[in-house]
Amino acid sequence: MYKFIRSIFFLFDPEKIHYFTASLLHFLLRIPFVKWAWKIIYVIEDHRLETKVFGLTFKNPVGMAAGFDKQATMYNDLASCGFGFIEIGTITPKAQPGNEKPRLFRLKKDEGIINRMGFNNGGLDMAIANLRNRKTTIIIGGNIGKNKLTPNEDAVNDYKIAFEGLFPYVDYFVVNVSSPNTPNLRELQEKEPLKKLLSELMDLNNLKQYPKPILLKIAPDLNTEQLDDIVEIIEEVKIAGVIACNTTVSRENLHLSKSELDEIGAGGVSGKPLTKRSTEVIRYLSEKSNKSFPIIGVGGIHSEEDALEKLAAGASLVQIYTGFVYEGPGLVKRINKAILKSKA
């Protein structure tokens, strides 16, 4: 059924249909009978799925990755899709339009997406206003970043502003320094700038009566030496964990021709082309750190097998995004049923 609906949706511009489907879901879930039926079809609740990670108890280990609900407008509805947690953002202190359109492209043959959105969001004030409308008890993560026009030497202040503003409204934080779509952002993944950024956020966090988990989202394009630095920094600064991985700038093994890729231009690739690499990064970090910190696995999860593979590689939780687009809301339930089966 979903594949038929998807074939219709895929006839339209990816960004426009994203917001259309969000509005459609919001409308449908306002209808009492539909909401009841929707939950029966797409939600599985079982105490055996509960997962305790970095001091939080997730009702199940399958989350929605950042980037889907950029401005915290969809999380109440997404909570009805069976997720154990939802990550909103990336949120920047000031509102910004993001990069010029078109900036979102489907790779149908590869079951992937290329995006160069550029942290388009309504800014911190809008996110706070939307989070004040929270009608769900689901765990919410706040993914934070810097504004495009903020130079890297001042980036720490942007992250601190977003952290302070969102603190009362989210359950954990994710520091995004790995998006390829904000100029020079990935330079903040280098050892010294990253250590400074995370240290200052942890200092701020530790001043709180009840500190909240801070995680780091990394790129899949880091080499072994850089991954070693990540492990060292986490153990030194003592943040809660890592999300592996963000989108990749690699164009290897895609079905598109060079001319087609040139026409699309810059951006990060997500979906099935990222499946193998993200699992490799998860496994390396898990083994290198001797499982000393939790990992949220994300990247190319389009099936139950993909999710179980991430968990077996060392992830404590998983997130989906592109898989949700290609496979539909039924994917969340299928993954959770497979996890239950693996526990039997």
Foldseek 3Di string as FASTA:
>chain_A
DVQVVLVVLVVDQPVVSLVVVLVVLVVQCVDVVSLVVLLVQQADFDCVQWFAAPRDIFRHQEEADEPSAAQLQRVQSVVSLHGREYEYHQAWAAADQFDDPPFWAAQVVLLKIFGLRGRHYHHLVRSLVNLVVDPDPHAYEHEYFYHLPDDLVCGLVRRQSSCVSCVVRHQEYEYEQAFPNRPPSVVCLDQPNVLVSLLVVVVVQVVDPDGHAYEYEHALPDDPVSLLSVLVSCVVSVGAYYEFYDFYQDPPPRPDDPVVDVVSPGGGMFAQVFLVSSLVSLLSNCVSNVLPHAYEGEGHPQALVSQVSSVVSGHSHYYYDSSCSNPNSNRSVRNRVVVVVVVD
